[in-house]
Amino acid sequence: MKKVFTLLHLCLLATGVSMFTSCEKEKLDDVLSKEQFGGVAVSIATKTEIGTGSTFTLTGGEITIPVTVDFSSATTRAFTVQLTPNSDDVAGLITAGTLPTGTVAITTGSYTLPTVLNVPIGVTSTTFNLIVSRSFLEVNYGKTVALTVQMTSPAKGNTIASGKNVGIITIKTAEAIAAGDVHYIGFSAPTL
């Protein structure tokens, strides 16, 4: 029995040695292809107006506006872009004549916007949601409200198209919310 185990060990050892010597080490550079992925130019519409016929979702507490970001070609890899809202620019845009007089800046705390846009691979455009409080819209009913969104720092060798890094989003409140759907609160003196 001992001879059988010794013979079995020798056969196993010989098989292991032959397998070890027959394996060839490959360099990682030979396995991976040396493809060069080109970057894309990222752009946002200069002005997006929300009103009659626009795409948005209105609920009892908020309005959700999809904002589209376009790419010069299909993305070759996943990457991120930083998003920065700015309501302070609205006054300057009114002075410059870009926005009509009487436009109200959407105040901080009245909106929600992602700070990072995650871009998937293989797309020519993607969207993010700007969510604005319905209460803010109702307080400013009949007016146009606005916010600017700036894109910065596209990752992984991508760039921002020249002059396409800031988008102005305006909401015409009288068109986004029907007059009969506005919530009013009134106080009256008690009657005796």
N, C-alpha and C. Protein backbone atom coordinates (compact mmCIF):
# COMPACT_ATOMS: atom_id res chain seq x y z
N MET A 1 0.82 -1.18 0.00
CA MET A 1 0.00 0.00 0.00
C MET A 1 0.87 1.25 0.00
N LYS A 2 2.02 1.12 0.72
CA LYS A 2 2.92 2.25 0.80
C LYS A 2 3.49 2.58 -0.58
N LYS A 3 3.76 1.53 -1.40
CA LYS A 3 4.27 1.75 -2.75
C LYS A 3 3.25 2.49 -3.61
N VAL A 4 1.99 2.19 -3.42
CA VAL A 4 0.93 2.85 -4.21
C VAL A 4 0.89 4.34 -3.88
N PHE A 5 0.96 4.68 -2.58
CA PHE A 5 0.93 6.09 -2.18
C PHE A 5 2.19 6.82 -2.64
N THR A 6 3.35 6.15 -2.58
CA THR A 6 4.59 6.76 -3.05
C THR A 6 4.51 7.00 -4.55
N LEU A 7 4.03 6.03 -5.29
CA LEU A 7 3.87 6.17 -6.73
C LEU A 7 2.86 7.28 -7.06
N LEU A 8 1.79 7.35 -6.31
CA LEU A 8 0.77 8.39 -6.51
C LEU A 8 1.35 9.78 -6.22
N HIS A 9 2.15 9.89 -5.18
CA HIS A 9 2.79 11.17 -4.86
C HIS A 9 3.76 11.59 -5.97
N LEU A 10 4.52 10.63 -6.49
CA LEU A 10 5.46 10.94 -7.57
C LEU A 10 4.72 11.39 -8.83
N CYS A 11 3.63 10.71 -9.14
CA CYS A 11 2.84 11.10 -10.33
C CYS A 11 2.24 12.49 -10.15
N LEU A 12 1.75 12.77 -8.96
CA LEU A 12 1.18 14.08 -8.67
C LEU A 12 2.25 15.16 -8.74
N LEU A 13 3.42 14.89 -8.22
CA LEU A 13 4.53 15.82 -8.27
C LEU A 13 4.97 16.07 -9.72
N ALA A 14 5.06 15.02 -10.51
CA ALA A 14 5.46 15.15 -11.91
C ALA A 14 4.42 15.96 -12.69
N THR A 15 3.15 15.74 -12.42
CA THR A 15 2.08 16.50 -13.08
C THR A 15 2.16 17.97 -12.70
N GLY A 16 2.39 18.24 -11.42
CA GLY A 16 2.50 19.63 -10.95
C GLY A 16 3.68 20.35 -11.58
N VAL A 17 4.83 19.67 -11.65
CA VAL A 17 6.03 20.27 -12.26
C VAL A 17 5.80 20.54 -13.73
N SER A 18 5.19 19.60 -14.44
CA SER A 18 4.96 19.81 -15.87
C SER A 18 3.95 20.94 -16.11
N MET A 19 2.96 21.07 -15.26
CA MET A 19 2.00 22.17 -15.41
C MET A 19 2.67 23.50 -15.11
N PHE A 20 3.52 23.54 -14.09
CA PHE A 20 4.19 24.77 -13.70
C PHE A 20 5.15 25.24 -14.79
N THR A 21 5.88 24.31 -15.38
CA THR A 21 6.86 24.69 -16.40
C THR A 21 6.19 25.00 -17.73
N SER A 22 5.01 24.49 -17.97
CA SER A 22 4.35 24.76 -19.25
C SER A 22 3.61 26.09 -19.25
N CYS A 23 3.35 26.65 -18.08
CA CYS A 23 2.67 27.95 -18.01
C CYS A 23 3.64 29.05 -18.39
N GLU A 24 3.16 29.97 -19.17
CA GLU A 24 3.97 31.09 -19.60
C GLU A 24 3.41 32.35 -18.98
N LYS A 25 4.25 33.14 -18.39
CA LYS A 25 3.78 34.37 -17.77
C LYS A 25 3.58 35.42 -18.86
N GLU A 26 2.40 36.05 -18.82
CA GLU A 26 2.12 37.11 -19.77
C GLU A 26 2.22 38.45 -19.06
N LYS A 27 2.70 39.41 -19.76
CA LYS A 27 2.77 40.74 -19.20
C LYS A 27 1.38 41.36 -19.28
N LEU A 28 1.06 42.15 -18.28
CA LEU A 28 -0.26 42.79 -18.23
C LEU A 28 -0.46 43.71 -19.43
N ASP A 29 0.61 44.34 -19.89
CA ASP A 29 0.52 45.23 -21.05
C ASP A 29 0.11 44.47 -22.30
N ASP A 30 0.50 43.20 -22.40
CA ASP A 30 0.13 42.40 -23.57
C ASP A 30 -1.34 41.98 -23.53
N VAL A 31 -1.87 41.85 -22.33
CA VAL A 31 -3.26 41.41 -22.18
C VAL A 31 -4.23 42.56 -22.43
N LEU A 32 -3.93 43.72 -21.89
CA LEU A 32 -4.81 44.87 -22.04
C LEU A 32 -4.54 45.57 -23.37
N SER A 33 -5.59 45.93 -24.05
CA SER A 33 -5.40 46.66 -25.31
C SER A 33 -5.10 48.12 -25.00
N LYS A 34 -4.33 48.71 -25.84
CA LYS A 34 -3.94 50.09 -25.62
C LYS A 34 -4.86 51.02 -26.40
N GLU A 35 -6.12 51.05 -25.99
CA GLU A 35 -7.08 51.92 -26.66
C GLU A 35 -7.02 53.31 -26.04
N GLN A 36 -7.15 54.28 -26.88
CA GLN A 36 -7.21 55.65 -26.41
C GLN A 36 -8.65 56.11 -26.50
N PHE A 37 -9.24 56.44 -25.36
CA PHE A 37 -10.61 56.90 -25.34
C PHE A 37 -10.62 58.41 -25.44
N GLY A 38 -11.31 58.92 -26.44
CA GLY A 38 -11.41 60.36 -26.60
C GLY A 38 -12.43 60.94 -25.64
N GLY A 39 -12.16 62.15 -25.20
CA GLY A 39 -13.09 62.83 -24.31
C GLY A 39 -14.23 63.45 -25.11
N VAL A 40 -15.25 63.88 -24.41
CA VAL A 40 -16.39 64.54 -25.04
C VAL A 40 -16.49 65.95 -24.50
N ALA A 41 -17.17 66.80 -25.26
CA ALA A 41 -17.45 68.16 -24.80
C ALA A 41 -18.85 68.17 -24.19
N VAL A 42 -18.94 68.66 -22.98
CA VAL A 42 -20.19 68.70 -22.22
C VAL A 42 -20.82 70.07 -22.39
N SER A 43 -22.16 70.12 -22.58
CA SER A 43 -22.83 71.41 -22.72
C SER A 43 -24.22 71.37 -22.11
N ILE A 44 -24.66 72.52 -21.64
CA ILE A 44 -26.01 72.68 -21.10
C ILE A 44 -26.67 73.80 -21.89
N ALA A 45 -27.98 73.70 -22.10
CA ALA A 45 -28.70 74.74 -22.84
C ALA A 45 -28.53 76.07 -22.12
N THR A 46 -28.28 77.12 -22.90
CA THR A 46 -28.07 78.44 -22.31
C THR A 46 -29.28 78.90 -21.52
N LYS A 47 -30.49 78.61 -22.05
CA LYS A 47 -31.70 79.03 -21.35
C LYS A 47 -32.77 77.96 -21.50
N THR A 48 -33.38 77.58 -20.40
CA THR A 48 -34.48 76.62 -20.39
C THR A 48 -35.67 77.31 -19.75
N GLU A 49 -36.76 77.45 -20.52
CA GLU A 49 -37.97 78.09 -20.00
C GLU A 49 -39.03 77.04 -19.71
N ILE A 50 -39.58 77.08 -18.51
CA ILE A 50 -40.63 76.17 -18.11
C ILE A 50 -41.94 76.95 -18.09
N GLY A 51 -42.89 76.47 -18.87
CA GLY A 51 -44.20 77.11 -18.95
C GLY A 51 -45.16 76.17 -19.61
N THR A 52 -46.12 76.72 -20.35
CA THR A 52 -47.10 75.90 -21.05
C THR A 52 -46.39 75.01 -22.06
N GLY A 53 -46.70 73.72 -22.04
CA GLY A 53 -46.12 72.78 -22.99
C GLY A 53 -44.76 72.24 -22.61
N SER A 54 -44.22 72.67 -21.49
CA SER A 54 -42.91 72.18 -21.04
C SER A 54 -43.05 70.85 -20.31
N THR A 55 -41.94 70.15 -20.20
CA THR A 55 -41.92 68.89 -19.48
C THR A 55 -41.52 69.14 -18.03
N PHE A 56 -42.44 68.87 -17.13
CA PHE A 56 -42.17 68.97 -15.70
C PHE A 56 -43.23 68.16 -14.96
N THR A 57 -42.98 67.90 -13.68
CA THR A 57 -43.93 67.18 -12.85
C THR A 57 -44.28 68.06 -11.66
N LEU A 58 -45.57 68.34 -11.50
CA LEU A 58 -46.04 69.18 -10.41
C LEU A 58 -46.80 68.31 -9.41
N THR A 59 -46.38 68.37 -8.16
CA THR A 59 -47.09 67.65 -7.09
C THR A 59 -47.61 68.67 -6.09
N GLY A 60 -48.17 68.19 -5.01
CA GLY A 60 -48.69 69.09 -3.98
C GLY A 60 -47.61 69.88 -3.26
N GLY A 61 -46.36 69.42 -3.33
CA GLY A 61 -45.30 70.10 -2.59
C GLY A 61 -44.16 70.64 -3.41
N GLU A 62 -44.06 70.22 -4.70
CA GLU A 62 -42.89 70.64 -5.48
C GLU A 62 -43.13 70.50 -6.97
N ILE A 63 -42.25 71.15 -7.72
CA ILE A 63 -42.20 70.97 -9.17
C ILE A 63 -40.84 70.36 -9.49
N THR A 64 -40.84 69.32 -10.31
CA THR A 64 -39.60 68.66 -10.71
C THR A 64 -39.35 68.95 -12.18
N ILE A 65 -38.21 69.53 -12.46
CA ILE A 65 -37.86 69.94 -13.82
C ILE A 65 -36.65 69.13 -14.28
N PRO A 66 -36.80 68.33 -15.35
CA PRO A 66 -35.64 67.62 -15.89
C PRO A 66 -34.79 68.58 -16.73
N VAL A 67 -33.52 68.68 -16.43
CA VAL A 67 -32.59 69.54 -17.16
C VAL A 67 -31.64 68.64 -17.93
N THR A 68 -31.52 68.87 -19.24
CA THR A 68 -30.71 68.01 -20.10
C THR A 68 -29.30 68.56 -20.28
N VAL A 69 -28.34 67.65 -20.19
CA VAL A 69 -26.93 67.96 -20.48
C VAL A 69 -26.56 67.14 -21.71
N ASP A 70 -26.02 67.79 -22.73
CA ASP A 70 -25.67 67.13 -23.98
C ASP A 70 -24.16 66.92 -24.09
N PHE A 71 -23.77 65.92 -24.91
CA PHE A 71 -22.36 65.61 -25.14
C PHE A 71 -22.09 65.66 -26.64
N SER A 72 -20.87 66.02 -27.01
CA SER A 72 -20.51 66.15 -28.43
C SER A 72 -20.58 64.83 -29.18
N SER A 73 -20.42 63.73 -28.48
CA SER A 73 -20.56 62.39 -29.06
C SER A 73 -20.89 61.44 -27.92
N ALA A 74 -21.06 60.17 -28.24
CA ALA A 74 -21.36 59.19 -27.20
C ALA A 74 -20.19 59.12 -26.21
N THR A 75 -20.50 59.05 -24.95
CA THR A 75 -19.45 58.99 -23.92
C THR A 75 -18.74 57.64 -23.99
N THR A 76 -17.42 57.68 -23.87
CA THR A 76 -16.62 56.46 -23.97
C THR A 76 -16.28 55.87 -22.61
N ARG A 77 -16.63 56.57 -21.57
CA ARG A 77 -16.43 56.08 -20.20
C ARG A 77 -17.35 56.84 -19.26
N ALA A 78 -17.61 56.29 -18.12
CA ALA A 78 -18.42 56.97 -17.11
C ALA A 78 -17.57 58.04 -16.44
N PHE A 79 -18.18 59.18 -16.12
CA PHE A 79 -17.46 60.25 -15.44
C PHE A 79 -18.44 61.13 -14.68
N THR A 80 -17.92 62.13 -13.99
CA THR A 80 -18.75 63.04 -13.21
C THR A 80 -18.52 64.48 -13.64
N VAL A 81 -19.53 65.32 -13.39
CA VAL A 81 -19.45 66.76 -13.63
C VAL A 81 -20.01 67.44 -12.39
N GLN A 82 -19.35 68.48 -11.93
CA GLN A 82 -19.82 69.23 -10.76
C GLN A 82 -20.90 70.22 -11.19
N LEU A 83 -21.96 70.34 -10.39
CA LEU A 83 -23.05 71.29 -10.65
C LEU A 83 -23.12 72.28 -9.49
N THR A 84 -23.17 73.57 -9.83
CA THR A 84 -23.24 74.61 -8.81
C THR A 84 -24.39 75.55 -9.13
N PRO A 85 -25.42 75.61 -8.27
CA PRO A 85 -26.51 76.56 -8.49
C PRO A 85 -26.10 77.95 -8.03
N ASN A 86 -26.70 78.97 -8.64
CA ASN A 86 -26.41 80.34 -8.23
C ASN A 86 -27.62 81.21 -8.49
N SER A 87 -28.25 81.68 -7.44
CA SER A 87 -29.40 82.57 -7.60
C SER A 87 -28.95 84.03 -7.60
N ASP A 88 -27.70 84.30 -7.21
CA ASP A 88 -27.18 85.66 -7.18
C ASP A 88 -26.97 86.24 -8.58
N ASP A 89 -26.79 85.39 -9.59
CA ASP A 89 -26.58 85.85 -10.96
C ASP A 89 -27.82 86.48 -11.58
N VAL A 90 -29.00 86.20 -11.03
CA VAL A 90 -30.25 86.64 -11.64
C VAL A 90 -30.32 88.16 -11.74
N ALA A 91 -29.90 88.88 -10.70
CA ALA A 91 -29.93 90.35 -10.74
C ALA A 91 -29.07 90.88 -11.88
N GLY A 92 -27.90 90.31 -12.06
CA GLY A 92 -27.02 90.73 -13.16
C GLY A 92 -27.61 90.41 -14.52
N LEU A 93 -28.31 89.29 -14.64
CA LEU A 93 -28.94 88.92 -15.91
C LEU A 93 -30.12 89.83 -16.24
N ILE A 94 -30.81 90.33 -15.21
CA ILE A 94 -31.90 91.30 -15.43
C ILE A 94 -31.30 92.62 -15.91
N THR A 95 -30.23 93.06 -15.27
CA THR A 95 -29.56 94.31 -15.66
C THR A 95 -29.03 94.22 -17.09
N ALA A 96 -28.50 93.06 -17.46
CA ALA A 96 -27.95 92.86 -18.81
C ALA A 96 -29.04 92.70 -19.86
N GLY A 97 -30.29 92.53 -19.44
CA GLY A 97 -31.39 92.37 -20.39
C GLY A 97 -31.61 90.93 -20.82
N THR A 98 -30.88 90.00 -20.24
CA THR A 98 -31.06 88.58 -20.57
C THR A 98 -32.37 88.05 -20.00
N LEU A 99 -32.73 88.51 -18.80
CA LEU A 99 -33.99 88.14 -18.17
C LEU A 99 -34.88 89.37 -18.06
N PRO A 100 -36.21 89.18 -18.16
CA PRO A 100 -37.10 90.34 -18.08
C PRO A 100 -37.12 90.97 -16.68
N THR A 101 -37.39 92.26 -16.63
CA THR A 101 -37.52 92.97 -15.37
C THR A 101 -38.63 92.32 -14.55
N GLY A 102 -38.43 92.19 -13.27
CA GLY A 102 -39.43 91.57 -12.40
C GLY A 102 -39.18 90.10 -12.15
N THR A 103 -38.17 89.53 -12.80
CA THR A 103 -37.84 88.13 -12.56
C THR A 103 -37.31 87.98 -11.14
N VAL A 104 -37.76 86.94 -10.46
CA VAL A 104 -37.38 86.70 -9.06
C VAL A 104 -36.39 85.53 -9.00
N ALA A 105 -35.33 85.72 -8.24
CA ALA A 105 -34.35 84.65 -8.06
C ALA A 105 -34.93 83.58 -7.14
N ILE A 106 -34.73 82.32 -7.50
CA ILE A 106 -35.17 81.21 -6.64
C ILE A 106 -34.21 81.17 -5.46
N THR A 107 -34.76 81.36 -4.27
CA THR A 107 -33.92 81.49 -3.08
C THR A 107 -33.35 80.15 -2.62
N THR A 108 -32.19 80.24 -1.99
CA THR A 108 -31.56 79.06 -1.40
C THR A 108 -32.51 78.47 -0.37
N GLY A 109 -32.66 77.17 -0.39
CA GLY A 109 -33.59 76.50 0.51
C GLY A 109 -34.93 76.21 -0.15
N SER A 110 -35.18 76.85 -1.30
CA SER A 110 -36.43 76.63 -2.03
C SER A 110 -36.25 75.62 -3.16
N TYR A 111 -35.04 75.16 -3.36
CA TYR A 111 -34.78 74.21 -4.45
C TYR A 111 -33.80 73.14 -3.99
N THR A 112 -33.81 72.04 -4.73
CA THR A 112 -32.86 70.96 -4.52
C THR A 112 -32.22 70.64 -5.87
N LEU A 113 -30.91 70.54 -5.87
CA LEU A 113 -30.16 70.27 -7.09
C LEU A 113 -28.98 69.38 -6.72
N PRO A 114 -28.72 68.32 -7.50
CA PRO A 114 -27.55 67.49 -7.18
C PRO A 114 -26.26 68.30 -7.37
N THR A 115 -25.27 68.05 -6.54
CA THR A 115 -23.99 68.76 -6.68
C THR A 115 -23.07 68.06 -7.66
N VAL A 116 -23.35 66.77 -7.93
CA VAL A 116 -22.54 65.99 -8.87
C VAL A 116 -23.47 65.28 -9.84
N LEU A 117 -23.15 65.40 -11.13
CA LEU A 117 -23.89 64.69 -12.16
C LEU A 117 -23.07 63.47 -12.56
N ASN A 118 -23.63 62.28 -12.35
CA ASN A 118 -22.96 61.04 -12.74
C ASN A 118 -23.36 60.69 -14.17
N VAL A 119 -22.39 60.68 -15.06
CA VAL A 119 -22.64 60.42 -16.48
C VAL A 119 -22.31 58.97 -16.79
N PRO A 120 -23.27 58.21 -17.34
CA PRO A 120 -22.98 56.81 -17.69
C PRO A 120 -22.22 56.70 -19.01
N ILE A 121 -21.73 55.53 -19.31
CA ILE A 121 -21.00 55.28 -20.55
C ILE A 121 -21.99 55.08 -21.70
N GLY A 122 -21.62 55.56 -22.89
CA GLY A 122 -22.39 55.28 -24.11
C GLY A 122 -23.61 56.13 -24.35
N VAL A 123 -23.71 57.32 -23.75
CA VAL A 123 -24.89 58.17 -23.95
C VAL A 123 -24.48 59.47 -24.64
N THR A 124 -25.42 60.09 -25.34
CA THR A 124 -25.17 61.38 -25.98
C THR A 124 -25.80 62.52 -25.20
N SER A 125 -26.62 62.19 -24.21
CA SER A 125 -27.18 63.20 -23.31
C SER A 125 -27.66 62.51 -22.04
N THR A 126 -27.79 63.30 -21.00
CA THR A 126 -28.33 62.79 -19.74
C THR A 126 -29.07 63.92 -19.05
N THR A 127 -29.85 63.62 -18.03
CA THR A 127 -30.62 64.66 -17.34
C THR A 127 -30.38 64.60 -15.84
N PHE A 128 -30.62 65.73 -15.21
CA PHE A 128 -30.68 65.80 -13.75
C PHE A 128 -31.94 66.58 -13.41
N ASN A 129 -32.42 66.41 -12.19
CA ASN A 129 -33.66 67.06 -11.79
C ASN A 129 -33.41 68.27 -10.90
N LEU A 130 -34.05 69.38 -11.25
CA LEU A 130 -34.11 70.55 -10.40
C LEU A 130 -35.48 70.50 -9.73
N ILE A 131 -35.51 70.48 -8.42
CA ILE A 131 -36.77 70.40 -7.68
C ILE A 131 -36.96 71.73 -6.95
N VAL A 132 -38.09 72.40 -7.23
CA VAL A 132 -38.39 73.69 -6.62
C VAL A 132 -39.64 73.55 -5.77
N SER A 133 -39.63 74.19 -4.62
CA SER A 133 -40.76 74.16 -3.70
C SER A 133 -41.99 74.80 -4.33
N ARG A 134 -43.12 74.11 -4.25
CA ARG A 134 -44.37 74.67 -4.77
C ARG A 134 -44.77 75.92 -3.98
N SER A 135 -44.49 75.93 -2.70
CA SER A 135 -44.81 77.11 -1.88
C SER A 135 -44.11 78.35 -2.41
N PHE A 136 -42.83 78.20 -2.79
CA PHE A 136 -42.09 79.34 -3.34
C PHE A 136 -42.74 79.82 -4.64
N LEU A 137 -43.16 78.88 -5.48
CA LEU A 137 -43.80 79.26 -6.74
C LEU A 137 -45.14 79.95 -6.49
N GLU A 138 -45.90 79.48 -5.51
CA GLU A 138 -47.19 80.08 -5.22
C GLU A 138 -47.05 81.47 -4.61
N VAL A 139 -46.03 81.68 -3.77
CA VAL A 139 -45.78 83.01 -3.21
C VAL A 139 -45.45 84.00 -4.33
N ASN A 140 -44.77 83.52 -5.37
CA ASN A 140 -44.38 84.37 -6.50
C ASN A 140 -45.26 84.13 -7.72
N TYR A 141 -46.50 83.71 -7.50
CA TYR A 141 -47.40 83.39 -8.61
C TYR A 141 -47.59 84.61 -9.51
N GLY A 142 -47.55 84.37 -10.81
CA GLY A 142 -47.70 85.43 -11.80
C GLY A 142 -46.37 86.02 -12.23
N LYS A 143 -45.30 85.65 -11.57
CA LYS A 143 -43.97 86.15 -11.90
C LYS A 143 -43.15 85.04 -12.56
N THR A 144 -42.04 85.45 -13.14
CA THR A 144 -41.07 84.48 -13.64
C THR A 144 -39.98 84.35 -12.58
N VAL A 145 -39.65 83.11 -12.24
CA VAL A 145 -38.58 82.86 -11.27
C VAL A 145 -37.42 82.19 -12.01
N ALA A 146 -36.20 82.41 -11.53
CA ALA A 146 -35.04 81.90 -12.27
C ALA A 146 -33.91 81.48 -11.34
N LEU A 147 -33.06 80.62 -11.90
CA LEU A 147 -31.87 80.11 -11.22
C LEU A 147 -30.84 79.77 -12.29
N THR A 148 -29.57 80.03 -12.01
CA THR A 148 -28.53 79.60 -12.95
C THR A 148 -27.81 78.37 -12.38
N VAL A 149 -27.39 77.49 -13.28
CA VAL A 149 -26.65 76.29 -12.90
C VAL A 149 -25.36 76.29 -13.70
N GLN A 150 -24.24 76.17 -12.99
CA GLN A 150 -22.93 76.15 -13.65
C GLN A 150 -22.33 74.76 -13.55
N MET A 151 -21.79 74.29 -14.67
CA MET A 151 -21.08 73.00 -14.71
C MET A 151 -19.57 73.26 -14.66
N THR A 152 -18.88 72.48 -13.85
CA THR A 152 -17.42 72.59 -13.75
C THR A 152 -16.81 71.20 -13.58
N SER A 153 -15.54 71.13 -13.80
CA SER A 153 -14.71 69.95 -13.51
C SER A 153 -15.22 68.62 -14.07
N PRO A 154 -15.39 68.52 -15.40
CA PRO A 154 -15.73 67.20 -15.94
C PRO A 154 -14.52 66.29 -15.80
N ALA A 155 -14.72 65.11 -15.27
CA ALA A 155 -13.61 64.20 -14.96
C ALA A 155 -13.17 63.39 -16.18
N LYS A 156 -12.04 62.73 -16.04
CA LYS A 156 -11.50 61.75 -16.99
C LYS A 156 -11.24 62.31 -18.39
N GLY A 157 -10.67 63.50 -18.47
CA GLY A 157 -10.26 64.05 -19.75
C GLY A 157 -11.36 64.66 -20.59
N ASN A 158 -12.54 64.82 -20.05
CA ASN A 158 -13.63 65.46 -20.79
C ASN A 158 -13.56 66.96 -20.57
N THR A 159 -14.22 67.72 -21.44
CA THR A 159 -14.17 69.18 -21.36
C THR A 159 -15.59 69.75 -21.40
N ILE A 160 -15.68 71.04 -21.13
CA ILE A 160 -16.96 71.74 -21.26
C ILE A 160 -16.88 72.58 -22.51
N ALA A 161 -17.91 72.50 -23.35
CA ALA A 161 -17.95 73.26 -24.59
C ALA A 161 -17.88 74.75 -24.27
N SER A 162 -17.18 75.49 -25.09
CA SER A 162 -16.99 76.92 -24.88
C SER A 162 -18.33 77.65 -24.82
N GLY A 163 -18.54 78.39 -23.74
CA GLY A 163 -19.76 79.17 -23.58
C GLY A 163 -20.99 78.36 -23.21
N LYS A 164 -20.81 77.08 -22.94
CA LYS A 164 -21.96 76.20 -22.63
C LYS A 164 -21.88 75.64 -21.21
N ASN A 165 -21.23 76.38 -20.31
CA ASN A 165 -21.08 75.88 -18.95
C ASN A 165 -22.14 76.39 -17.98
N VAL A 166 -22.91 77.41 -18.37
CA VAL A 166 -23.94 77.96 -17.49
C VAL A 166 -25.29 77.88 -18.18
N GLY A 167 -26.27 77.37 -17.45
CA GLY A 167 -27.64 77.31 -17.95
C GLY A 167 -28.54 78.14 -17.07
N ILE A 168 -29.44 78.89 -17.70
CA ILE A 168 -30.42 79.69 -16.97
C ILE A 168 -31.74 78.93 -17.04
N ILE A 169 -32.32 78.63 -15.90
CA ILE A 169 -33.60 77.92 -15.85
C ILE A 169 -34.63 78.90 -15.33
N THR A 170 -35.65 79.17 -16.14
CA THR A 170 -36.72 80.08 -15.74
C THR A 170 -38.04 79.32 -15.67
N ILE A 171 -38.87 79.70 -14.72
CA ILE A 171 -40.19 79.09 -14.57
C ILE A 171 -41.23 80.20 -14.60
N LYS A 172 -42.13 80.13 -15.56
CA LYS A 172 -43.25 81.07 -15.62
C LYS A 172 -44.34 80.48 -14.72
N THR A 173 -44.47 81.02 -13.53
CA THR A 173 -45.33 80.41 -12.52
C THR A 173 -46.79 80.35 -12.94
N ALA A 174 -47.28 81.36 -13.66
CA ALA A 174 -48.69 81.38 -14.07
C ALA A 174 -48.98 80.30 -15.11
N GLU A 175 -47.95 79.84 -15.82
CA GLU A 175 -48.13 78.78 -16.81
C GLU A 175 -47.86 77.40 -16.22
N ALA A 176 -47.01 77.33 -15.22
CA ALA A 176 -46.68 76.05 -14.60
C ALA A 176 -47.78 75.58 -13.64
N ILE A 177 -48.44 76.55 -12.99
CA ILE A 177 -49.52 76.22 -12.05
C ILE A 177 -50.78 76.96 -12.50
N ALA A 178 -51.87 76.24 -12.66
CA ALA A 178 -53.14 76.87 -13.02
C ALA A 178 -53.61 77.74 -11.85
N ALA A 179 -54.27 78.86 -12.17
CA ALA A 179 -54.72 79.80 -11.13
C ALA A 179 -55.60 79.12 -10.09
N GLY A 180 -56.45 78.21 -10.51
CA GLY A 180 -57.35 77.52 -9.59
C GLY A 180 -56.65 76.52 -8.68
N ASP A 181 -55.40 76.17 -9.01
CA ASP A 181 -54.65 75.19 -8.21
C ASP A 181 -53.74 75.82 -7.17
N VAL A 182 -53.71 77.16 -7.12
CA VAL A 182 -52.86 77.84 -6.15
C VAL A 182 -53.51 77.73 -4.78
N HIS A 183 -52.71 77.40 -3.78
CA HIS A 183 -53.20 77.29 -2.40
C HIS A 183 -53.14 78.66 -1.75
N TYR A 184 -54.28 79.16 -1.33
CA TYR A 184 -54.33 80.46 -0.66
C TYR A 184 -54.62 80.26 0.81
N ILE A 185 -54.02 81.08 1.62
CA ILE A 185 -54.31 81.07 3.05
C ILE A 185 -54.79 82.48 3.39
N GLY A 186 -55.92 82.56 4.00
CA GLY A 186 -56.45 83.87 4.37
C GLY A 186 -56.79 83.92 5.84
N PHE A 187 -56.66 85.08 6.38
CA PHE A 187 -57.01 85.29 7.78
C PHE A 187 -58.07 86.36 7.82
N SER A 188 -59.07 86.16 8.62
CA SER A 188 -60.11 87.18 8.76
C SER A 188 -60.38 87.39 10.24
N ALA A 189 -60.92 88.54 10.51
CA ALA A 189 -61.24 88.86 11.90
C ALA A 189 -62.42 88.01 12.35
N PRO A 190 -62.40 87.56 13.56
CA PRO A 190 -63.53 86.75 14.04
C PRO A 190 -64.80 87.59 14.10
N THR A 191 -65.89 86.99 13.75
CA THR A 191 -67.18 87.69 13.81
C THR A 191 -67.89 87.33 15.09
N LEU A 192 -68.57 88.31 15.63
CA LEU A 192 -69.30 88.06 16.88
C LEU A 192 -70.75 87.88 16.65
